[in-house]
Amino acid sequence: MRVFRALAAGLSLLLPASVAAADFPDRPIRLIVPFPAGGPNDLIARVIGQRMSELTRQPVVIDNRGGQGGVLGTDVVAKAKPDGYTIAIASAGALAISPSMEKVAYDPLNDLQAITLVAKVPEMLVVASNVPARNMGELVALARAQPGKLNFASSGPGSLPHLAGELLKLTAKIDIVHVPYRGAAPAVNDLLGHQVQMVFLDLPVILPQIKAGALRAIAIGAPERAPTAMDVPTTAEVGMPDLLAENWYGMVAPGGTPAAVVAALNRIATEAMRDPTVKEKLASQGATLIGDSPEHFHGFIGTEIEKWAKVIKDAGVTTEK
């Protein structure tokens, strides 16, 4: 009997990954959110994770691991066992920007396995109510007339709002000054208080102030207008097609995760995203659900790394800036 068991155990190691993953998942999945609870990354993960749990009949346990702009939680996944039971929904910052801004312990394209691009959230350029510019043309003209006098806020050095502002400077050839904050909330507060003049931020963060007339929307950095702000033109419509700035969130697993497990996670996640309730909840937050293949998402990450690395280099951005 002992010999039989030993042979059986040995044979199990030789089974192809597709057979080993046939019953995946058969225990709880840990879904890491690389930010504190309550933010957009957390909301997206909880809504999709709940539906994934219903589909698999296995718990999807949310594990908030905030720190370093999403890098710390993403690094936890990169170092986890590659069995598909530790995954993350990580942001553009951790996957495409931080590797060019600072030395991170993981390579997004090799130490992480792309599963699917989950959602995109467009960045909206807004100005304070006391800024005498009602459209992009007027804002650019104002900045050129007063070089170095206008400020743009961000949620922190190296954040997507920061790089979106730098991309605006490069695209429009204007001189505006970066003022970093510790998060979006204090940046919006000073914008409302007229301490800074403009900011790029995730649409859901500033939509209430836009609707209330406290902030003036100039353009949205997405290929199409946002359903929740259809009167705001895209950057392409105002003559700046290269000024695209969208935050995005993607599901990743540790590098080396078996292909059959990756395929199963992709199928479960994309099915969850097709659920009408999931779509409705996240659309109300300004998120557009995507759902693509692991191969396409891997290529997308590579393209985004190249894009923002160029902006960082051309603008001379550092973590101290």
C-alpha atoms as a PDB file:
ATOM      1  CA  MET A   1       0.000   0.000   0.000  1.00  0.00           C
ATOM      2  CA  ARG A   2       2.847   2.409   0.860  1.00  0.00           C
ATOM      3  CA  VAL A   3       4.445   1.688  -2.513  1.00  0.00           C
ATOM      4  CA  PHE A   4       1.149   2.358  -4.273  1.00  0.00           C
ATOM      5  CA  ARG A   5       0.714   5.684  -2.491  1.00  0.00           C
ATOM      6  CA  ALA A   6       4.246   6.721  -3.339  1.00  0.00           C
ATOM      7  CA  LEU A   7       3.685   5.903  -7.000  1.00  0.00           C
ATOM      8  CA  ALA A   8       0.387   7.801  -6.998  1.00  0.00           C
ATOM      9  CA  ALA A   9       2.036  10.838  -5.447  1.00  0.00           C
ATOM     10  CA  GLY A  10       4.802  10.716  -8.015  1.00  0.00           C
ATOM     11  CA  LEU A  11       2.365  10.456 -10.880  1.00  0.00           C
ATOM     12  CA  SER A  12       0.415  13.450  -9.593  1.00  0.00           C
ATOM     13  CA  LEU A  13       3.517  15.577 -10.020  1.00  0.00           C
ATOM     14  CA  LEU A  14       3.652  14.572 -13.666  1.00  0.00           C
ATOM     15  CA  LEU A  15       0.049  15.486 -14.421  1.00  0.00           C
ATOM     16  CA  PRO A  16      -0.360  18.380 -16.863  1.00  0.00           C
ATOM     17  CA  ALA A  17      -1.370  21.752 -15.409  1.00  0.00           C
ATOM     18  CA  SER A  18      -4.776  21.496 -17.097  1.00  0.00           C
ATOM     19  CA  VAL A  19      -5.589  18.367 -15.114  1.00  0.00           C
ATOM     20  CA  ALA A  20      -4.189  19.770 -11.857  1.00  0.00           C
ATOM     21  CA  ALA A  21      -6.318  22.922 -12.306  1.00  0.00           C
ATOM     22  CA  ALA A  22      -9.501  21.094 -13.314  1.00  0.00           C
ATOM     23  CA  ASP A  23     -11.203  21.776  -9.981  1.00  0.00           C
ATOM     24  CA  PHE A  24      -9.843  25.295  -9.521  1.00  0.00           C
ATOM     25  CA  PRO A  25     -10.746  26.919  -7.227  1.00  0.00           C
ATOM     26  CA  ASP A  26     -11.410  24.422  -4.450  1.00  0.00           C
ATOM     27  CA  ARG A  27     -10.623  26.758  -1.543  1.00  0.00           C
ATOM     28  CA  PRO A  28     -10.794  30.515  -0.755  1.00  0.00           C
ATOM     29  CA  ILE A  29      -9.021  33.013  -2.991  1.00  0.00           C
ATOM     30  CA  ARG A  30      -7.187  35.949  -1.416  1.00  0.00           C
ATOM     31  CA  LEU A  31      -7.779  39.099  -3.439  1.00  0.00           C
ATOM     32  CA  ILE A  32      -5.270  41.758  -2.445  1.00  0.00           C
ATOM     33  CA  VAL A  33      -6.241  45.421  -2.741  1.00  0.00           C
ATOM     34  CA  PRO A  34      -3.034  47.505  -2.680  1.00  0.00           C
ATOM     35  CA  PHE A  35      -4.847  50.481  -1.113  1.00  0.00           C
ATOM     36  CA  PRO A  36      -6.812  51.154   2.089  1.00  0.00           C
ATOM     37  CA  ALA A  37     -10.517  50.337   2.268  1.00  0.00           C
ATOM     38  CA  GLY A  38     -12.974  52.836   0.850  1.00  0.00           C
ATOM     39  CA  GLY A  39     -11.137  54.002  -2.281  1.00  0.00           C
ATOM     40  CA  PRO A  40     -11.958  53.239  -5.925  1.00  0.00           C
ATOM     41  CA  ASN A  41      -9.531  50.291  -6.096  1.00  0.00           C
ATOM     42  CA  ASP A  42     -11.176  48.778  -3.026  1.00  0.00           C
ATOM     43  CA  LEU A  43     -14.700  49.322  -4.345  1.00  0.00           C
ATOM     44  CA  ILE A  44     -13.926  47.700  -7.706  1.00  0.00           C
ATOM     45  CA  ALA A  45     -12.297  44.703  -6.016  1.00  0.00           C
ATOM     46  CA  ARG A  46     -15.166  44.177  -3.568  1.00  0.00           C
ATOM     47  CA  VAL A  47     -17.904  44.371  -6.195  1.00  0.00           C
ATOM     48  CA  ILE A  48     -16.138  42.009  -8.603  1.00  0.00           C
ATOM     49  CA  GLY A  49     -14.826  39.774  -5.830  1.00  0.00           C
ATOM     50  CA  GLN A  50     -18.328  39.245  -4.455  1.00  0.00           C
ATOM     51  CA  ARG A  51     -19.608  38.117  -7.845  1.00  0.00           C
ATOM     52  CA  MET A  52     -16.568  35.858  -8.351  1.00  0.00           C
ATOM     53  CA  SER A  53     -17.343  34.252  -5.009  1.00  0.00           C
ATOM     54  CA  GLU A  54     -20.926  33.587  -6.109  1.00  0.00           C
ATOM     55  CA  LEU A  55     -19.768  32.061  -9.381  1.00  0.00           C
ATOM     56  CA  THR A  56     -17.131  29.793  -7.843  1.00  0.00           C
ATOM     57  CA  ARG A  57     -18.957  29.046  -4.572  1.00  0.00           C
ATOM     58  CA  GLN A  58     -15.695  29.785  -2.823  1.00  0.00           C
ATOM     59  CA  PRO A  59     -14.945  32.807  -0.618  1.00  0.00           C
ATOM     60  CA  VAL A  60     -12.991  35.630  -2.239  1.00  0.00           C
ATOM     61  CA  VAL A  61     -11.343  37.289   0.739  1.00  0.00           C
ATOM     62  CA  ILE A  62     -10.411  40.960   0.359  1.00  0.00           C
ATOM     63  CA  ASP A  63      -7.000  41.753   1.857  1.00  0.00           C
ATOM     64  CA  ASN A  64      -6.196  45.489   1.965  1.00  0.00           C
ATOM     65  CA  ARG A  65      -2.425  46.035   1.805  1.00  0.00           C
ATOM     66  CA  GLY A  66      -1.997  49.775   1.289  1.00  0.00           C
ATOM     67  CA  GLY A  67       1.290  51.615   1.055  1.00  0.00           C
ATOM     68  CA  GLN A  68       3.708  53.257  -1.378  1.00  0.00           C
ATOM     69  CA  GLY A  69       1.030  54.087  -3.932  1.00  0.00           C
ATOM     70  CA  GLY A  70      -0.044  50.485  -4.386  1.00  0.00           C
ATOM     71  CA  VAL A  71       3.482  49.087  -4.696  1.00  0.00           C
ATOM     72  CA  LEU A  72       3.596  47.234  -1.373  1.00  0.00           C
ATOM     73  CA  GLY A  73       0.428  45.210  -1.952  1.00  0.00           C
ATOM     74  CA  THR A  74       1.410  44.442  -5.533  1.00  0.00           C
ATOM     75  CA  ASP A  75       4.786  43.206  -4.314  1.00  0.00           C
ATOM     76  CA  VAL A  76       3.016  40.788  -1.951  1.00  0.00           C
ATOM     77  CA  VAL A  77       1.395  39.134  -4.987  1.00  0.00           C
ATOM     78  CA  ALA A  78       4.660  39.042  -6.929  1.00  0.00           C
ATOM     79  CA  LYS A  79       6.225  37.047  -4.072  1.00  0.00           C
ATOM     80  CA  ALA A  80       3.222  34.766  -3.400  1.00  0.00           C
ATOM     81  CA  LYS A  81       2.967  31.102  -4.324  1.00  0.00           C
ATOM     82  CA  PRO A  82       1.985  30.894  -8.016  1.00  0.00           C
ATOM     83  CA  ASP A  83      -1.089  28.726  -7.560  1.00  0.00           C
ATOM     84  CA  GLY A  84      -3.842  31.245  -8.329  1.00  0.00           C
ATOM     85  CA  TYR A  85      -5.032  31.544  -4.733  1.00  0.00           C
ATOM     86  CA  THR A  86      -3.328  34.908  -4.145  1.00  0.00           C
ATOM     87  CA  ILE A  87      -4.195  37.555  -6.732  1.00  0.00           C
ATOM     88  CA  ALA A  88      -4.669  41.321  -6.820  1.00  0.00           C
ATOM     89  CA  ILE A  89      -6.532  44.053  -8.585  1.00  0.00           C
ATOM     90  CA  ALA A  90      -3.697  46.550  -8.986  1.00  0.00           C
ATOM     91  CA  SER A  91      -3.654  50.063 -10.405  1.00  0.00           C
ATOM     92  CA  ALA A  92      -1.876  51.802 -13.254  1.00  0.00           C
ATOM     93  CA  GLY A  93       0.392  53.453 -10.700  1.00  0.00           C
ATOM     94  CA  ALA A  94       1.812  50.202  -9.354  1.00  0.00           C
ATOM     95  CA  LEU A  95       1.985  48.382 -12.680  1.00  0.00           C
ATOM     96  CA  ALA A  96       2.967  51.070 -15.193  1.00  0.00           C
ATOM     97  CA  ILE A  97       4.255  54.183 -13.411  1.00  0.00           C
ATOM     98  CA  SER A  98       6.141  53.244 -10.234  1.00  0.00           C
ATOM     99  CA  PRO A  99       8.647  50.987 -12.057  1.00  0.00           C
ATOM    100  CA  SER A 100       9.905  54.117 -13.873  1.00  0.00           C
ATOM    101  CA  MET A 101       9.641  56.436 -10.875  1.00  0.00           C
ATOM    102  CA  GLU A 102      11.436  54.407  -8.238  1.00  0.00           C
ATOM    103  CA  LYS A 103      13.203  51.124  -7.686  1.00  0.00           C
ATOM    104  CA  VAL A 104      10.530  48.494  -7.086  1.00  0.00           C
ATOM    105  CA  ALA A 105      11.191  44.899  -6.088  1.00  0.00           C
ATOM    106  CA  TYR A 106       9.166  43.387  -8.930  1.00  0.00           C
ATOM    107  CA  ASP A 107       9.088  43.475 -12.709  1.00  0.00           C
ATOM    108  CA  PRO A 108       5.444  43.963 -13.765  1.00  0.00           C
ATOM    109  CA  LEU A 109       5.924  42.011 -16.992  1.00  0.00           C
ATOM    110  CA  ASN A 110       7.870  39.052 -15.571  1.00  0.00           C
ATOM    111  CA  ASP A 111       7.171  38.750 -11.847  1.00  0.00           C
ATOM    112  CA  LEU A 112       3.426  39.166 -12.318  1.00  0.00           C
ATOM    113  CA  GLN A 113       1.028  37.243 -14.533  1.00  0.00           C
ATOM    114  CA  ALA A 114      -1.608  39.338 -16.301  1.00  0.00           C
ATOM    115  CA  ILE A 115      -5.139  37.943 -15.963  1.00  0.00           C
ATOM    116  CA  THR A 116      -7.420  40.682 -17.288  1.00  0.00           C
ATOM    117  CA  LEU A 117      -7.750  44.436 -17.560  1.00  0.00           C
ATOM    118  CA  VAL A 118     -10.677  45.072 -15.236  1.00  0.00           C
ATOM    119  CA  ALA A 119     -11.700  48.717 -15.560  1.00  0.00           C
ATOM    120  CA  LYS A 120     -10.716  52.180 -16.727  1.00  0.00           C
ATOM    121  CA  VAL A 121     -11.548  55.416 -14.933  1.00  0.00           C
ATOM    122  CA  PRO A 122     -10.903  58.608 -16.927  1.00  0.00           C
ATOM    123  CA  GLU A 123      -9.005  61.584 -15.535  1.00  0.00           C
ATOM    124  CA  MET A 124     -10.892  64.882 -15.717  1.00  0.00           C
ATOM    125  CA  LEU A 125      -9.154  68.234 -16.004  1.00  0.00           C
ATOM    126  CA  VAL A 126     -10.949  70.838 -13.889  1.00  0.00           C
ATOM    127  CA  VAL A 127     -10.191  74.387 -12.832  1.00  0.00           C
ATOM    128  CA  ALA A 128     -11.159  76.403  -9.780  1.00  0.00           C
ATOM    129  CA  SER A 129     -14.229  78.608 -10.120  1.00  0.00           C
ATOM    130  CA  ASN A 130     -12.115  81.800  -9.997  1.00  0.00           C
ATOM    131  CA  VAL A 131      -9.979  80.823 -13.004  1.00  0.00           C
ATOM    132  CA  PRO A 132     -11.066  82.949 -16.006  1.00  0.00           C
ATOM    133  CA  ALA A 133     -10.950  80.092 -18.494  1.00  0.00           C
ATOM    134  CA  ARG A 134     -13.997  78.187 -19.677  1.00  0.00           C
ATOM    135  CA  ASN A 135     -12.363  75.844 -22.174  1.00  0.00           C
ATOM    136  CA  MET A 136      -8.990  74.365 -23.094  1.00  0.00           C
ATOM    137  CA  GLY A 137      -8.101  77.118 -25.545  1.00  0.00           C
ATOM    138  CA  GLU A 138      -8.669  79.815 -22.951  1.00  0.00           C
ATOM    139  CA  LEU A 139      -6.782  77.861 -20.269  1.00  0.00           C
ATOM    140  CA  VAL A 140      -3.737  77.388 -22.500  1.00  0.00           C
ATOM    141  CA  ALA A 141      -3.790  81.054 -23.495  1.00  0.00           C
ATOM    142  CA  LEU A 142      -3.990  82.074 -19.832  1.00  0.00           C
ATOM    143  CA  ALA A 143      -1.049  79.844 -18.900  1.00  0.00           C
ATOM    144  CA  ARG A 144       1.059  81.155 -21.779  1.00  0.00           C
ATOM    145  CA  ALA A 145       0.323  84.740 -20.773  1.00  0.00           C
ATOM    146  CA  GLN A 146       1.475  84.008 -17.200  1.00  0.00           C
ATOM    147  CA  PRO A 147       4.303  81.453 -17.393  1.00  0.00           C
ATOM    148  CA  GLY A 148       5.076  79.856 -14.041  1.00  0.00           C
ATOM    149  CA  LYS A 149       2.151  81.579 -12.307  1.00  0.00           C
ATOM    150  CA  LEU A 150      -0.557  78.903 -12.494  1.00  0.00           C
ATOM    151  CA  ASN A 151      -0.395  75.819 -10.270  1.00  0.00           C
ATOM    152  CA  PHE A 152      -1.735  72.317 -10.816  1.00  0.00           C
ATOM    153  CA  ALA A 153      -2.430  70.001  -7.914  1.00  0.00           C
ATOM    154  CA  SER A 154      -1.974  66.245  -7.725  1.00  0.00           C
ATOM    155  CA  SER A 155      -2.612  63.416  -5.288  1.00  0.00           C
ATOM    156  CA  GLY A 156       1.145  62.967  -4.836  1.00  0.00           C
ATOM    157  CA  PRO A 157       4.471  62.906  -6.679  1.00  0.00           C
ATOM    158  CA  GLY A 158       4.486  60.267  -9.390  1.00  0.00           C
ATOM    159  CA  SER A 159       0.732  59.716  -9.202  1.00  0.00           C
ATOM    160  CA  LEU A 160      -1.333  59.521 -12.369  1.00  0.00           C
ATOM    161  CA  PRO A 161      -2.818  63.009 -11.728  1.00  0.00           C
ATOM    162  CA  HIS A 162       0.742  64.332 -11.450  1.00  0.00           C
ATOM    163  CA  LEU A 163       1.843  62.743 -14.715  1.00  0.00           C
ATOM    164  CA  ALA A 164      -1.362  63.846 -16.439  1.00  0.00           C
ATOM    165  CA  GLY A 165      -0.494  67.417 -15.491  1.00  0.00           C
ATOM    166  CA  GLU A 166       3.051  66.946 -16.788  1.00  0.00           C
ATOM    167  CA  LEU A 167       1.652  65.540 -20.026  1.00  0.00           C
ATOM    168  CA  LEU A 168      -0.548  68.651 -20.313  1.00  0.00           C
ATOM    169  CA  LYS A 169       2.548  70.831 -19.916  1.00  0.00           C
ATOM    170  CA  LEU A 170       4.400  68.909 -22.625  1.00  0.00           C
ATOM    171  CA  THR A 171       1.450  68.748 -25.012  1.00  0.00           C
ATOM    172  CA  ALA A 172       0.329  72.372 -24.693  1.00  0.00           C
ATOM    173  CA  LYS A 173       3.875  73.712 -24.222  1.00  0.00           C
ATOM    174  CA  ILE A 174       2.932  75.674 -21.128  1.00  0.00           C
ATOM    175  CA  ASP A 175       4.751  76.421 -17.857  1.00  0.00           C
ATOM    176  CA  ILE A 176       2.583  75.495 -14.863  1.00  0.00           C
ATOM    177  CA  VAL A 177       3.826  74.496 -11.415  1.00  0.00           C
ATOM    178  CA  HIS A 178       3.161  71.155  -9.742  1.00  0.00           C
ATOM    179  CA  VAL A 179       1.819  71.223  -6.168  1.00  0.00           C
ATOM    180  CA  PRO A 180       1.680  67.677  -4.700  1.00  0.00           C
ATOM    181  CA  TYR A 181      -0.748  66.668  -1.949  1.00  0.00           C
ATOM    182  CA  ARG A 182      -1.138  63.578   0.214  1.00  0.00           C
ATOM    183  CA  GLY A 183      -4.144  62.248  -1.641  1.00  0.00           C
ATOM    184  CA  ALA A 184      -7.024  63.553  -3.728  1.00  0.00           C
ATOM    185  CA  ALA A 185      -9.135  64.956  -0.891  1.00  0.00           C
ATOM    186  CA  PRO A 186      -6.714  67.687   0.273  1.00  0.00           C
ATOM    187  CA  ALA A 187      -5.978  68.582  -3.352  1.00  0.00           C
ATOM    188  CA  VAL A 188      -9.691  69.118  -4.017  1.00  0.00           C
ATOM    189  CA  ASN A 189     -10.074  71.129  -0.799  1.00  0.00           C
ATOM    190  CA  ASP A 190      -7.349  73.579  -1.835  1.00  0.00           C
ATOM    191  CA  LEU A 191      -8.774  73.763  -5.343  1.00  0.00           C
ATOM    192  CA  LEU A 192     -12.137  74.714  -3.867  1.00  0.00           C
ATOM    193  CA  GLY A 193     -10.333  77.239  -1.672  1.00  0.00           C
ATOM    194  CA  HIS A 194      -8.569  78.739  -4.713  1.00  0.00           C
ATOM    195  CA  GLN A 195      -5.088  77.854  -3.402  1.00  0.00           C
ATOM    196  CA  VAL A 196      -4.359  76.038  -6.675  1.00  0.00           C
ATOM    197  CA  GLN A 197      -5.853  76.599 -10.088  1.00  0.00           C
ATOM    198  CA  MET A 198      -6.333  73.185 -11.738  1.00  0.00           C
ATOM    199  CA  VAL A 199      -6.066  69.435 -11.337  1.00  0.00           C
ATOM    200  CA  PHE A 200      -6.465  66.157 -13.212  1.00  0.00           C
ATOM    201  CA  LEU A 201      -8.330  63.607 -11.039  1.00  0.00           C
ATOM    202  CA  ASP A 202     -10.429  60.456 -11.377  1.00  0.00           C
ATOM    203  CA  LEU A 203     -13.847  61.513 -12.620  1.00  0.00           C
ATOM    204  CA  PRO A 204     -15.826  60.035  -9.667  1.00  0.00           C
ATOM    205  CA  VAL A 205     -13.727  62.019  -7.173  1.00  0.00           C
ATOM    206  CA  ILE A 206     -14.650  65.423  -8.591  1.00  0.00           C
ATOM    207  CA  LEU A 207     -17.995  64.781 -10.300  1.00  0.00           C
ATOM    208  CA  PRO A 208     -20.080  66.040  -7.324  1.00  0.00           C
ATOM    209  CA  GLN A 209     -18.197  69.374  -7.298  1.00  0.00           C
ATOM    210  CA  ILE A 210     -18.593  69.697 -11.067  1.00  0.00           C
ATOM    211  CA  LYS A 211     -22.330  69.116 -10.867  1.00  0.00           C
ATOM    212  CA  ALA A 212     -22.603  71.610  -8.009  1.00  0.00           C
ATOM    213  CA  GLY A 213     -20.775  74.251 -10.055  1.00  0.00           C
ATOM    214  CA  ALA A 214     -17.928  74.506  -7.543  1.00  0.00           C
ATOM    215  CA  LEU A 215     -15.388  73.322 -10.128  1.00  0.00           C
ATOM    216  CA  ARG A 216     -15.361  73.863 -13.894  1.00  0.00           C
ATOM    217  CA  ALA A 217     -14.664  70.898 -16.151  1.00  0.00           C
ATOM    218  CA  ILE A 218     -12.342  71.579 -19.088  1.00  0.00           C
ATOM    219  CA  ALA A 219     -11.795  68.183 -20.739  1.00  0.00           C
ATOM    220  CA  ILE A 220     -11.722  64.467 -20.091  1.00  0.00           C
ATOM    221  CA  GLY A 221      -8.571  62.481 -20.882  1.00  0.00           C
ATOM    222  CA  ALA A 222     -10.357  59.552 -22.534  1.00  0.00           C
ATOM    223  CA  PRO A 223     -11.132  58.551 -26.127  1.00  0.00           C
ATOM    224  CA  GLU A 224     -14.869  59.020 -25.548  1.00  0.00           C
ATOM    225  CA  ARG A 225     -17.054  61.279 -23.450  1.00  0.00           C
ATOM    226  CA  ALA A 226     -18.105  59.964 -20.059  1.00  0.00           C
ATOM    227  CA  PRO A 227     -21.761  58.879 -19.712  1.00  0.00           C
ATOM    228  CA  THR A 228     -21.920  60.721 -16.369  1.00  0.00           C
ATOM    229  CA  ALA A 229     -20.542  63.966 -17.882  1.00  0.00           C
ATOM    230  CA  MET A 230     -21.613  64.009 -21.517  1.00  0.00           C
ATOM    231  CA  ASP A 231     -21.269  67.791 -21.827  1.00  0.00           C
ATOM    232  CA  VAL A 232     -17.513  67.660 -21.162  1.00  0.00           C
ATOM    233  CA  PRO A 233     -15.423  67.272 -24.334  1.00  0.00           C
ATOM    234  CA  THR A 234     -12.571  64.811 -24.711  1.00  0.00           C
ATOM    235  CA  THR A 235      -9.011  66.057 -25.022  1.00  0.00           C
ATOM    236  CA  ALA A 236      -9.064  64.952 -28.673  1.00  0.00           C
ATOM    237  CA  GLU A 237     -12.111  67.123 -29.291  1.00  0.00           C
ATOM    238  CA  VAL A 238     -10.256  70.168 -27.952  1.00  0.00           C
ATOM    239  CA  GLY A 239      -7.286  69.538 -30.219  1.00  0.00           C
ATOM    240  CA  MET A 240      -5.027  67.431 -27.983  1.00  0.00           C
ATOM    241  CA  PRO A 241      -5.456  63.785 -29.054  1.00  0.00           C
ATOM    242  CA  ASP A 242      -2.204  62.748 -27.353  1.00  0.00           C
ATOM    243  CA  LEU A 243      -3.358  64.049 -23.972  1.00  0.00           C
ATOM    244  CA  LEU A 244      -4.879  60.765 -22.847  1.00  0.00           C
ATOM    245  CA  ALA A 245      -4.912  60.024 -19.120  1.00  0.00           C
ATOM    246  CA  GLU A 246      -6.984  57.174 -17.756  1.00  0.00           C
ATOM    247  CA  ASN A 247      -6.533  55.402 -14.477  1.00  0.00           C
ATOM    248  CA  TRP A 248      -6.997  51.664 -14.807  1.00  0.00           C
ATOM    249  CA  TYR A 249      -7.157  48.563 -12.675  1.00  0.00           C
ATOM    250  CA  GLY A 250      -6.106  45.065 -13.664  1.00  0.00           C
ATOM    251  CA  MET A 251      -6.139  41.607 -12.127  1.00  0.00           C
ATOM    252  CA  VAL A 252      -2.744  39.956 -11.729  1.00  0.00           C
ATOM    253  CA  ALA A 253      -1.336  36.761 -10.218  1.00  0.00           C
ATOM    254  CA  PRO A 254       2.234  35.778  -9.346  1.00  0.00           C
ATOM    255  CA  GLY A 255       4.508  35.082 -12.287  1.00  0.00           C
ATOM    256  CA  GLY A 256       4.675  31.385 -13.087  1.00  0.00           C
ATOM    257  CA  THR A 257       1.025  30.696 -12.319  1.00  0.00           C
ATOM    258  CA  PRO A 258      -0.037  27.700 -14.487  1.00  0.00           C
ATOM    259  CA  ALA A 259      -1.705  28.648 -17.762  1.00  0.00           C
ATOM    260  CA  ALA A 260      -4.806  26.595 -16.956  1.00  0.00           C
ATOM    261  CA  VAL A 261      -5.253  28.441 -13.654  1.00  0.00           C
ATOM    262  CA  VAL A 262      -4.772  31.795 -15.376  1.00  0.00           C
ATOM    263  CA  ALA A 263      -7.401  30.803 -17.940  1.00  0.00           C
ATOM    264  CA  ALA A 264      -9.809  29.818 -15.155  1.00  0.00           C
ATOM    265  CA  LEU A 265      -9.289  33.117 -13.326  1.00  0.00           C
ATOM    266  CA  ASN A 266      -9.782  35.043 -16.557  1.00  0.00           C
ATOM    267  CA  ARG A 267     -13.020  33.189 -17.269  1.00  0.00           C
ATOM    268  CA  ILE A 268     -14.367  33.745 -13.746  1.00  0.00           C
ATOM    269  CA  ALA A 269     -13.384  37.423 -13.617  1.00  0.00           C
ATOM    270  CA  THR A 270     -14.729  38.332 -17.060  1.00  0.00           C
ATOM    271  CA  GLU A 271     -17.976  36.493 -16.343  1.00  0.00           C
ATOM    272  CA  ALA A 272     -18.300  38.473 -13.112  1.00  0.00           C
ATOM    273  CA  MET A 273     -17.773  41.718 -15.048  1.00  0.00           C
ATOM    274  CA  ARG A 274     -20.569  40.851 -17.464  1.00  0.00           C
ATOM    275  CA  ASP A 275     -23.083  40.717 -14.620  1.00  0.00           C
ATOM    276  CA  PRO A 276     -25.613  43.609 -15.009  1.00  0.00           C
ATOM    277  CA  THR A 277     -25.539  44.434 -11.288  1.00  0.00           C
ATOM    278  CA  VAL A 278     -21.750  44.629 -11.288  1.00  0.00           C
ATOM    279  CA  LYS A 279     -21.802  46.850 -14.375  1.00  0.00           C
ATOM    280  CA  GLU A 280     -24.411  49.151 -12.826  1.00  0.00           C
ATOM    281  CA  LYS A 281     -22.601  49.537  -9.512  1.00  0.00           C
ATOM    282  CA  LEU A 282     -19.266  50.370 -11.099  1.00  0.00           C
ATOM    283  CA  ALA A 283     -20.692  52.566 -13.859  1.00  0.00           C
ATOM    284  CA  SER A 284     -22.212  54.751 -11.146  1.00  0.00           C
ATOM    285  CA  GLN A 285     -18.632  55.298  -9.936  1.00  0.00           C
ATOM    286  CA  GLY A 286     -17.434  56.346 -13.384  1.00  0.00           C
ATOM    287  CA  ALA A 287     -15.680  53.057 -14.131  1.00  0.00           C
ATOM    288  CA  THR A 288     -15.866  51.387 -17.534  1.00  0.00           C
ATOM    289  CA  LEU A 289     -15.464  47.616 -17.274  1.00  0.00           C
ATOM    290  CA  ILE A 290     -13.165  46.022 -19.846  1.00  0.00           C
ATOM    291  CA  GLY A 291     -12.446  42.290 -19.517  1.00  0.00           C
ATOM    292  CA  ASP A 292      -9.817  41.107 -22.002  1.00  0.00           C
ATOM    293  CA  SER A 293      -7.410  38.189 -22.449  1.00  0.00           C
ATOM    294  CA  PRO A 294      -4.223  37.697 -20.398  1.00  0.00           C
ATOM    295  CA  GLU A 295      -2.169  38.194 -23.556  1.00  0.00           C
ATOM    296  CA  HIS A 296      -3.871  41.471 -24.444  1.00  0.00           C
ATOM    297  CA  PHE A 297      -3.585  42.792 -20.896  1.00  0.00           C
ATOM    298  CA  HIS A 298       0.125  41.893 -20.780  1.00  0.00           C
ATOM    299  CA  GLY A 299       0.680  43.889 -23.963  1.00  0.00           C
ATOM    300  CA  PHE A 300      -1.369  46.780 -22.596  1.00  0.00           C
ATOM    301  CA  ILE A 301       0.804  46.955 -19.464  1.00  0.00           C
ATOM    302  CA  GLY A 302       3.919  47.079 -21.643  1.00  0.00           C
ATOM    303  CA  THR A 303       2.481  49.911 -23.737  1.00  0.00           C
ATOM    304  CA  GLU A 304       1.514  51.891 -20.637  1.00  0.00           C
ATOM    305  CA  ILE A 305       4.981  51.438 -19.115  1.00  0.00           C
ATOM    306  CA  GLU A 306       6.558  52.851 -22.275  1.00  0.00           C
ATOM    307  CA  LYS A 307       4.106  55.759 -22.453  1.00  0.00           C
ATOM    308  CA  TRP A 308       4.553  56.985 -18.896  1.00  0.00           C
ATOM    309  CA  ALA A 309       8.301  56.314 -18.859  1.00  0.00           C
ATOM    310  CA  LYS A 310       8.616  58.753 -21.761  1.00  0.00           C
ATOM    311  CA  VAL A 311       6.521  61.379 -19.961  1.00  0.00           C
ATOM    312  CA  ILE A 312       8.619  60.935 -16.809  1.00  0.00           C
ATOM    313  CA  LYS A 313      11.848  61.310 -18.787  1.00  0.00           C
ATOM    314  CA  ASP A 314      10.713  64.217 -20.996  1.00  0.00           C
ATOM    315  CA  ALA A 315       9.288  66.133 -18.014  1.00  0.00           C
ATOM    316  CA  GLY A 316      12.259  65.386 -15.778  1.00  0.00           C
ATOM    317  CA  VAL A 317      10.003  63.976 -13.075  1.00  0.00           C
ATOM    318  CA  THR A 318      11.540  62.562  -9.919  1.00  0.00           C
ATOM    319  CA  THR A 319      10.003  61.259  -6.702  1.00  0.00           C
ATOM    320  CA  GLU A 320      11.031  64.504  -5.035  1.00  0.00           C
ATOM    321  CA  LYS A 321       9.297  66.725  -7.565  1.00  0.00           C
END
